Protein backbone atom coordinates (compact mmCIF):
# COMPACT_ATOMS: atom_id res chain seq x y z
CA MET A 1 -29.97 10.02 5.48
CA LYS A 2 -28.38 13.08 7.02
CA LEU A 3 -24.96 12.08 5.68
CA ALA A 4 -26.38 11.54 2.20
CA ARG A 5 -27.90 15.01 2.16
CA LEU A 6 -24.64 16.54 3.36
CA TYR A 7 -22.68 14.91 0.58
CA GLY A 8 -25.22 16.04 -1.97
CA ALA A 9 -24.82 19.58 -0.70
CA ILE A 10 -21.02 19.54 -0.83
CA ALA A 11 -20.62 18.04 -4.29
CA PRO A 12 -21.99 21.02 -6.29
CA ILE A 13 -19.42 23.27 -4.62
CA PHE A 14 -16.72 21.54 -6.62
CA PHE A 15 -17.97 19.92 -9.76
CA SER A 16 -19.73 20.49 -13.02
CA LEU A 17 -19.25 17.63 -15.45
CA ALA A 18 -20.22 17.82 -19.14
CA SER A 19 -19.04 17.00 -22.63
CA ILE A 20 -16.70 19.59 -24.06
CA ALA A 21 -18.88 19.77 -27.15
CA SER A 22 -22.15 20.16 -25.27
CA VAL A 23 -23.87 22.72 -23.11
CA GLN A 24 -22.51 22.72 -19.56
CA ALA A 25 -24.52 20.47 -17.26
CA ALA A 26 -25.93 21.60 -13.94
CA PRO A 27 -23.48 21.34 -11.02
CA GLY A 28 -23.13 17.82 -9.70
CA THR A 29 -24.68 16.19 -12.78
CA LEU A 30 -23.23 14.28 -15.71
CA ALA A 31 -24.05 14.99 -19.34
CA GLN A 32 -24.50 12.08 -21.76
CA PRO A 33 -21.03 11.07 -23.03
CA LEU A 34 -20.52 11.61 -26.76
CA LEU A 35 -18.57 9.38 -29.13
CA GLY A 36 -15.02 10.63 -29.54
CA GLN A 37 -15.41 13.52 -27.09
CA ASP A 38 -13.41 14.32 -23.98
CA LEU A 39 -15.29 15.03 -20.79
CA HIS A 40 -14.61 18.33 -19.06
CA VAL A 41 -14.60 18.71 -15.28
CA ALA A 42 -14.75 22.37 -14.27
CA THR A 43 -14.13 22.94 -10.59
CA VAL A 44 -15.48 26.07 -9.02
CA ALA A 45 -12.57 28.24 -7.93
CA LYS A 46 -11.74 27.07 -4.41
CA ASP A 47 -8.32 26.93 -2.83
CA GLY A 48 -6.73 27.15 -6.26
CA ALA A 49 -8.48 24.05 -7.65
CA GLY A 50 -8.27 23.99 -11.42
CA THR A 51 -9.77 22.04 -14.30
CA GLN A 52 -9.46 18.34 -15.00
CA ILE A 53 -9.99 16.56 -18.29
CA TRP A 54 -11.40 13.09 -18.78
CA ARG A 55 -9.55 12.16 -21.98
CA TRP A 56 -11.42 10.10 -24.55
CA ALA A 57 -9.81 6.62 -24.66
CA GLY A 58 -12.05 4.79 -27.13
CA VAL A 59 -14.68 2.05 -27.00
CA VAL A 60 -13.67 -0.90 -24.84
CA ASN A 61 -14.33 -4.64 -24.90
CA VAL A 62 -17.07 -5.39 -22.38
CA ASP A 63 -18.65 -8.49 -20.87
CA ARG A 64 -22.22 -7.57 -19.94
CA SER A 65 -23.22 -10.97 -18.55
CA ASP A 66 -24.49 -11.62 -15.04
CA THR A 67 -24.36 -15.39 -15.40
CA ALA A 68 -22.37 -18.22 -13.92
CA GLY A 69 -20.70 -18.90 -17.26
CA THR A 70 -18.44 -15.86 -17.10
CA ALA A 71 -14.81 -17.01 -16.95
CA SER A 72 -12.41 -14.20 -16.16
CA ALA A 73 -9.81 -13.07 -13.65
CA ARG A 74 -12.55 -12.08 -11.26
CA ASP A 75 -13.61 -15.73 -10.87
CA VAL A 76 -10.63 -16.53 -8.68
CA ALA A 77 -8.46 -14.22 -6.62
CA PRO A 78 -5.29 -14.31 -8.78
CA ALA A 79 -1.98 -15.71 -7.64
CA ALA A 80 0.13 -13.18 -5.82
CA GLY A 81 3.48 -13.95 -7.39
CA ALA A 82 3.86 -10.41 -8.74
CA ASP A 83 2.97 -8.61 -5.52
CA ASP A 84 6.37 -7.02 -5.08
CA LYS A 85 7.03 -6.03 -8.68
CA ALA A 86 7.29 -2.29 -9.19
CA ALA A 87 4.41 -0.56 -10.95
CA ALA A 88 4.55 2.96 -12.33
CA GLN A 89 3.02 5.45 -9.92
CA SER A 90 0.10 7.15 -11.58
CA GLU A 91 -2.46 9.74 -10.62
CA GLY A 92 -4.62 8.57 -13.53
CA TRP A 93 -7.63 6.31 -13.57
CA ILE A 94 -9.56 4.65 -16.37
CA ALA A 95 -13.33 5.20 -16.44
CA VAL A 96 -15.89 3.21 -18.42
CA ASN A 97 -19.53 4.14 -18.96
CA ALA A 98 -21.74 1.03 -18.88
CA LYS A 99 -24.42 2.39 -21.21
CA THR A 100 -22.04 3.36 -24.01
CA GLY A 101 -18.88 1.32 -23.48
CA TYR A 102 -16.90 4.54 -23.85
CA SER A 103 -13.70 4.83 -21.83
CA TYR A 104 -11.79 7.84 -20.51
CA ARG A 105 -8.48 8.47 -18.82
CA LEU A 106 -8.91 10.71 -15.79
CA GLU A 107 -6.20 13.32 -15.38
CA VAL A 108 -6.87 14.64 -11.89
CA PRO A 109 -4.17 16.40 -9.86
CA ARG A 110 -3.67 14.69 -6.52
CA GLU A 111 -4.12 17.99 -4.69
CA VAL A 112 -7.69 18.20 -6.02
CA SER A 113 -8.72 14.76 -4.75
CA HIS A 114 -6.92 15.39 -1.46
CA LYS A 115 -8.80 18.66 -0.89
CA LEU A 116 -12.04 16.81 -1.47
CA TYR A 117 -11.05 14.23 1.12
CA GLN A 118 -10.21 16.96 3.63
CA GLU A 119 -13.61 18.57 3.04
CA ALA A 120 -15.36 15.22 3.49
CA LEU A 121 -13.39 14.50 6.66
CA ARG A 122 -14.28 17.89 8.16
CA ALA A 123 -17.94 17.32 7.31
CA GLY A 124 -17.94 13.88 8.95
CA LEU A 125 -18.56 12.08 5.65
CA THR A 126 -15.90 9.37 5.85
CA GLY A 127 -17.64 7.35 8.56
CA SER A 128 -20.37 4.74 8.37
CA SER A 129 -24.13 5.24 8.10
CA GLN A 130 -26.65 2.57 9.11
CA GLY A 131 -29.35 3.58 6.62
CA THR A 132 -33.09 3.20 7.13
CA ALA A 133 -33.47 -0.59 6.89
CA VAL A 134 -34.81 -2.66 9.77
CA ALA A 135 -33.11 -6.01 10.26
CA ALA A 136 -35.16 -9.16 9.82
CA LYS A 137 -35.06 -11.88 12.47
CA GLU A 138 -32.34 -14.37 11.57
CA ASP A 139 -31.54 -17.90 12.70
CA ASP A 140 -27.98 -18.58 13.82
CA VAL A 141 -26.25 -21.24 11.71
CA ALA A 142 -22.73 -20.45 12.86
CA GLY A 143 -22.11 -24.17 13.21
CA ALA A 144 -22.29 -24.70 9.43
CA LYS A 145 -18.52 -24.58 9.03
CA GLY A 146 -16.49 -25.07 5.87
CA TRP A 147 -13.35 -27.23 6.11
CA SER A 148 -12.10 -27.19 2.53
CA ASP A 149 -8.44 -27.85 3.48
CA GLY A 150 -8.98 -29.19 6.98
CA VAL A 151 -8.45 -25.81 8.64
CA ASP A 152 -11.07 -23.61 6.96
CA THR A 153 -12.92 -21.79 9.74
CA ARG A 154 -15.48 -19.90 7.66
CA THR A 155 -19.16 -20.14 8.53
CA ARG A 156 -22.24 -19.41 6.48
CA ARG A 157 -23.87 -16.27 7.87
CA THR A 158 -27.59 -15.53 8.06
CA ASP A 159 -27.50 -12.09 9.68
CA ASN A 160 -27.13 -10.27 6.37
CA THR A 161 -30.01 -7.84 6.96
CA THR A 162 -28.25 -6.40 10.02
CA PHE A 163 -25.76 -3.56 9.75
CA PRO A 164 -23.00 -3.50 8.56
CA PHE A 165 -23.55 -6.77 6.69
CA ARG A 166 -26.45 -5.47 4.60
CA ALA A 167 -24.00 -2.95 3.09
CA MET A 168 -21.85 -5.87 1.84
CA GLY A 169 -22.91 -7.79 -1.23
CA GLN A 170 -22.17 -9.97 -4.21
CA ILE A 171 -21.24 -8.69 -7.68
CA ALA A 172 -22.63 -11.06 -10.33
CA GLY A 173 -21.91 -14.50 -8.95
CA GLY A 174 -22.30 -18.10 -9.98
CA GLU A 175 -20.76 -21.48 -9.24
CA THR A 176 -17.47 -20.45 -10.87
CA SER A 177 -17.70 -16.67 -11.13
CA GLY A 178 -18.39 -13.47 -9.27
CA CYS A 179 -16.91 -11.11 -6.73
CA SER A 180 -17.87 -9.26 -3.58
CA GLY A 181 -18.07 -5.56 -2.82
CA THR A 182 -18.92 -3.07 -0.08
CA LEU A 183 -21.01 0.08 -0.12
CA ILE A 184 -18.93 3.04 1.05
CA GLY A 185 -21.52 5.62 0.03
CA ARG A 186 -25.09 5.94 -1.19
CA ARG A 187 -24.23 4.28 -4.53
CA HIS A 188 -20.48 3.68 -4.38
CA VAL A 189 -19.19 0.09 -4.24
CA LEU A 190 -15.56 -0.54 -3.30
CA THR A 191 -14.15 -3.73 -4.82
CA ALA A 192 -11.03 -5.18 -6.46
CA ALA A 193 -9.85 -3.90 -9.84
CA HIS A 194 -9.64 -7.45 -11.19
CA CYS A 195 -13.37 -7.79 -10.52
CA LEU A 196 -13.99 -5.00 -13.04
CA TYR A 197 -11.22 -5.49 -15.60
CA ASP A 198 -9.64 -8.73 -16.84
CA ARG A 199 -6.03 -8.00 -17.80
CA ASP A 200 -5.64 -11.28 -19.71
CA SER A 201 -8.52 -10.67 -22.11
CA GLU A 202 -8.44 -6.86 -21.84
CA THR A 203 -12.17 -6.93 -21.11
CA TRP A 204 -14.28 -4.89 -18.70
CA THR A 205 -16.73 -7.10 -16.80
CA ILE A 206 -19.45 -4.52 -16.28
CA GLY A 207 -22.61 -6.62 -16.48
CA GLY A 208 -22.53 -7.96 -12.94
CA LEU A 209 -25.34 -6.70 -10.70
CA PHE A 210 -24.61 -5.73 -7.10
CA ARG A 211 -26.87 -7.49 -4.58
CA PRO A 212 -26.36 -6.16 -1.03
CA GLY A 213 -27.19 -8.52 1.82
CA ARG A 214 -27.81 -11.41 -0.57
CA GLU A 215 -29.03 -14.68 0.95
CA GLY A 216 -29.35 -17.33 -1.76
CA THR A 217 -30.12 -17.53 -5.47
CA CYS A 218 -33.93 -17.46 -5.66
CA ASN A 219 -33.81 -14.07 -7.46
CA ASN A 220 -36.61 -12.48 -5.48
CA ALA A 221 -36.97 -10.37 -2.34
CA THR A 222 -36.49 -13.41 -0.11
CA CYS A 223 -32.92 -13.86 -1.34
CA GLU A 224 -32.28 -10.25 -2.36
CA PRO A 225 -33.85 -8.16 0.41
CA TYR A 226 -32.37 -4.92 -0.95
CA GLY A 227 -32.71 -5.69 -4.64
CA GLU A 228 -30.17 -5.89 -7.45
CA HIS A 229 -28.38 -2.82 -8.77
CA ALA A 230 -26.60 -2.14 -12.05
CA GLY A 231 -23.45 -0.08 -12.30
CA ILE A 232 -23.27 2.95 -14.57
CA TRP A 233 -19.61 3.99 -14.13
CA PHE A 234 -16.62 1.72 -13.44
CA PHE A 235 -13.17 2.94 -12.37
CA THR A 236 -9.77 1.28 -11.97
CA PRO A 237 -6.31 2.82 -11.57
CA ALA A 238 -4.57 3.20 -14.93
CA ALA A 239 -1.46 1.57 -13.43
CA TYR A 240 -3.41 -1.64 -12.77
CA ARG A 241 -3.91 -2.14 -16.51
CA THR A 242 -0.31 -1.47 -17.49
CA SER A 243 1.60 -3.65 -15.02
CA THR A 244 1.63 -7.16 -13.61
CA SER A 245 1.65 -5.88 -10.03
CA TRP A 246 -1.33 -6.24 -7.72
CA ARG A 247 -0.52 -3.03 -5.86
CA ASP A 248 -3.32 -1.14 -7.63
CA ASP A 249 -5.92 -3.91 -7.36
CA TYR A 250 -8.84 -1.80 -6.18
CA GLY A 251 -11.70 -0.10 -7.99
CA ILE A 252 -14.98 1.76 -7.67
CA MET A 253 -18.37 0.83 -9.12
CA VAL A 254 -20.92 3.68 -9.21
CA LEU A 255 -24.49 2.35 -9.23
CA GLU A 256 -27.43 3.77 -11.18
CA ASP A 257 -29.48 4.10 -7.99
CA ALA A 258 -28.67 4.52 -4.30
CA PRO A 259 -29.31 1.38 -2.20
CA GLY A 260 -27.07 2.83 0.50
CA ASP A 261 -29.89 5.14 1.58
CA THR A 262 -31.60 1.96 2.83
CA THR A 263 -28.73 -0.38 3.67
CA GLY A 264 -26.30 2.21 4.96
CA TRP A 265 -22.60 2.05 4.16
CA LEU A 266 -19.25 1.50 5.81
CA GLY A 267 -16.69 4.16 6.55
CA TYR A 268 -13.04 3.90 5.54
CA VAL A 269 -9.74 4.80 7.18
CA ALA A 270 -6.02 4.78 6.51
CA THR A 271 -4.07 4.07 9.66
CA SER A 272 -0.52 3.14 10.62
CA ILE A 273 0.95 -0.35 10.56
CA ALA A 274 1.08 -0.36 14.36
CA ASN A 275 -2.59 0.61 14.63
CA LEU A 276 -3.61 -1.98 12.04
CA ARG A 277 -1.78 -4.71 13.90
CA ASP A 278 -3.51 -3.69 17.13
CA LEU A 279 -6.91 -3.70 15.39
CA CYS A 280 -6.30 -7.11 13.84
CA ASP A 281 -4.27 -8.82 16.58
CA ASP A 282 -5.73 -12.28 17.04
CA ALA A 283 -4.08 -12.73 20.43
CA GLY A 284 -5.38 -9.50 21.95
CA SER A 285 -8.61 -7.54 21.65
CA GLY A 286 -8.45 -7.30 17.85
CA ARG A 287 -11.65 -6.90 15.88
CA CYS A 288 -10.76 -7.31 12.19
CA PHE A 289 -13.02 -9.40 9.94
CA ASN A 290 -13.89 -10.36 6.38
CA ARG A 291 -17.21 -11.42 4.91
CA GLY A 292 -17.52 -12.42 1.26
CA TYR A 293 -19.49 -14.50 -1.22
CA PRO A 294 -17.53 -17.61 -2.33
CA ALA A 295 -18.12 -19.21 -5.73
CA CYS A 296 -19.05 -22.70 -4.60
CA GLY A 297 -17.79 -24.47 -7.73
CA LEU A 298 -14.21 -23.28 -7.34
CA GLY A 299 -11.34 -24.90 -5.50
CA GLY A 300 -10.99 -23.84 -1.89
CA ALA A 301 -14.70 -23.12 -1.43
CA PRO A 302 -16.14 -23.96 1.99
CA ALA A 303 -17.31 -27.51 2.53
CA SER A 304 -21.07 -27.83 1.96
CA CYS A 305 -20.91 -24.41 0.29
CA VAL A 306 -24.31 -22.84 -0.44
CA GLN A 307 -24.26 -20.53 -3.46
CA GLY A 308 -25.29 -16.91 -2.99
CA TRP A 309 -24.64 -16.84 0.76
CA ALA A 310 -22.05 -14.84 2.66
CA TYR A 311 -19.29 -16.62 4.57
CA GLN A 312 -17.10 -15.22 7.32
CA ASP A 313 -14.06 -16.59 9.12
CA THR A 314 -14.78 -17.11 12.79
CA ASN A 315 -11.23 -16.00 13.55
CA ASN A 316 -9.76 -12.53 13.46
CA CYS A 317 -8.07 -11.38 10.22
CA GLU A 318 -4.60 -11.36 11.75
CA ILE A 319 -1.92 -9.59 9.68
CA GLY A 320 1.34 -11.11 8.44
CA SER A 321 3.66 -8.81 6.48
CA PHE A 322 3.38 -5.50 4.61
CA ASN A 323 4.80 -4.78 1.14
CA SER A 324 4.42 -2.77 -2.11
CA PRO A 325 5.21 0.81 -1.04
CA ASP A 326 3.45 3.60 -2.92
CA ALA A 327 4.60 7.14 -3.73
CA ASP A 328 3.43 8.33 -0.30
CA GLY A 329 5.70 5.81 1.41
CA TRP A 330 2.78 3.66 2.59
CA ASN A 331 2.93 -0.10 2.11
CA ALA A 332 -0.10 -0.67 -0.09
CA ARG A 333 -0.53 -4.40 0.57
CA TYR A 334 -0.44 -6.86 3.44
CA SER A 335 -1.06 -10.55 4.00
CA THR A 336 -3.74 -11.99 6.25
CA ALA A 337 -4.63 -15.26 7.94
CA CYS A 338 -8.36 -14.99 7.14
CA ASP A 339 -9.71 -17.99 5.20
CA LEU A 340 -10.85 -16.93 1.72
CA SER A 341 -11.54 -18.41 -1.71
CA GLY A 342 -12.60 -17.32 -5.20
CA GLY A 343 -15.61 -15.01 -4.95
CA HIS A 344 -14.32 -13.24 -1.83
CA SER A 345 -12.30 -10.93 -4.11
CA GLY A 346 -13.31 -7.31 -3.61
CA SER A 347 -14.82 -7.87 -0.18
CA ALA A 348 -13.78 -5.69 2.73
CA VAL A 349 -11.46 -6.37 5.60
CA TYR A 350 -13.14 -4.22 8.23
CA THR A 351 -13.18 -3.43 11.91
CA ASP A 352 -16.21 -2.58 14.03
CA VAL A 353 -14.33 -0.77 16.80
CA TRP A 354 -12.78 2.20 15.00
CA GLY A 355 -13.13 5.18 17.31
CA GLY A 356 -14.85 2.85 19.76
CA SER A 357 -17.76 1.61 17.66
CA SER A 358 -17.59 2.66 14.01
CA ASP A 359 -17.60 0.10 11.16
CA VAL A 360 -14.82 1.00 8.73
CA VAL A 361 -12.98 -0.68 5.84
CA VAL A 362 -9.22 -1.09 6.28
CA GLY A 363 -8.51 -3.31 3.26
CA ILE A 364 -9.86 -5.00 0.13
CA VAL A 365 -9.44 -8.72 -0.63
CA SER A 366 -7.15 -9.09 -3.64
CA THR A 367 -5.08 -12.27 -4.08
CA GLN A 368 -4.27 -15.70 -2.75
CA THR A 369 -1.03 -17.68 -2.84
CA CYS A 370 -2.66 -21.10 -2.47
CA THR A 371 -6.12 -22.69 -2.43
CA THR A 372 -5.62 -25.80 -0.30
CA CYS A 373 -2.80 -24.44 1.82
CA SER A 374 -0.31 -26.30 3.97
CA ALA A 375 0.06 -25.94 7.71
CA SER A 376 3.02 -23.59 7.16
CA ASP A 377 0.97 -21.10 5.11
CA ASP A 378 -0.10 -18.86 7.98
CA PHE A 379 -0.90 -15.75 5.92
CA PRO A 380 -1.81 -16.92 2.40
CA ASN A 381 -4.08 -14.11 1.25
CA GLY A 382 -3.22 -10.65 -0.08
CA ILE A 383 -5.11 -7.49 0.88
CA ARG A 384 -5.05 -4.07 -0.76
CA ARG A 385 -4.65 -1.72 2.19
CA ILE A 386 -6.64 1.50 2.52
CA THR A 387 -3.99 4.21 2.18
CA PRO A 388 -4.19 8.02 1.89
CA GLU A 389 -4.21 7.62 -1.91
CA VAL A 390 -7.35 5.45 -1.69
CA LEU A 391 -9.04 7.94 0.66
CA ASP A 392 -8.45 10.79 -1.79
CA TRP A 393 -9.85 8.89 -4.76
CA ILE A 394 -12.92 7.75 -2.84
CA ALA A 395 -13.59 11.39 -1.99
CA TYR A 396 -13.20 12.38 -5.65
CA PHE A 397 -15.66 9.78 -6.93
CA LYS A 398 -18.21 10.37 -4.17
CA SER A 399 -18.10 14.11 -4.84
CA THR A 400 -18.36 13.69 -8.61
CA PHE A 401 -21.25 11.21 -8.33
CA PRO A 402 -23.15 12.12 -5.13
């Protein structure tokens, strides 16, 4: 709770967001978007920070369903054949408002988002928070292993009311649909861009509810101990929509309410390749994991898959190779040995030993190169790495929507 109050105090220093055609909103608040109008972001003069414009981009195609019948790119982590194709570097993002369907192109100078990250880092706001929830007593069913291709080492997990797992959840979700996501703030869910926008149909999939700590499909407090939460704003990099690369496959979902006050949230870090390999080294003392919500009707799902439950590989998420350099010179993607399948998309690769004991996200599940993989496919899954660019944008969105 202390971290939440700190972020709420910092945000008004920087932002006042309103429609150009309307009366200026109070600092840190958002005026109702108007048809055809740009949104104006006026930053209080600080270290030379200027003004940004959210450019009106029209009304978008949206899928508002939260049902198993949704068939889109978010159903299955897409094939990674285009991982190494160049994509235009862009500082822009596309924003969609769930209530109106209006879209905007964010034109935010990188120096603005970076200053916000530096402020958050100095204030200690990039780490994890455990929230106010008390974990329920859970039975251990770690023996319920999935062996979809004979080597799948995922297990169904029942400790989802403990931290940090209660800050991880399912977005929508059915037998052949859905994604996963992770709270990185009071109401900020980090996920994959393809979970929010389907490039093939040019449709925003904004109807999926976020259910942190979900345990089953009974649709009550037994299965959804922290409720279900609708998104109000959805963000993906503009470059993700205009290329076939998966380099920009990450996005932010801002919720209407703040379940993170109860569940807590994970921190996030960008660290060197050498440090990442040490954190995720399966042969040493590595502590790198993934937990996601598989769609049980899709190929590659765990054997005896139970819908609406989280699964986690019992092995460390060892790293293979790095690729897709960004404008900062950081390789934005890497491959991992963690067993995954459709529905895991958007879930976090995280470590619980950052700085000794902190739970932080180091990557986002993005793609897979095979479903039933051969013995030679040691690192079949693609991860969007947390890089300095990602840190800056997280800071921007958390400051704009505290």
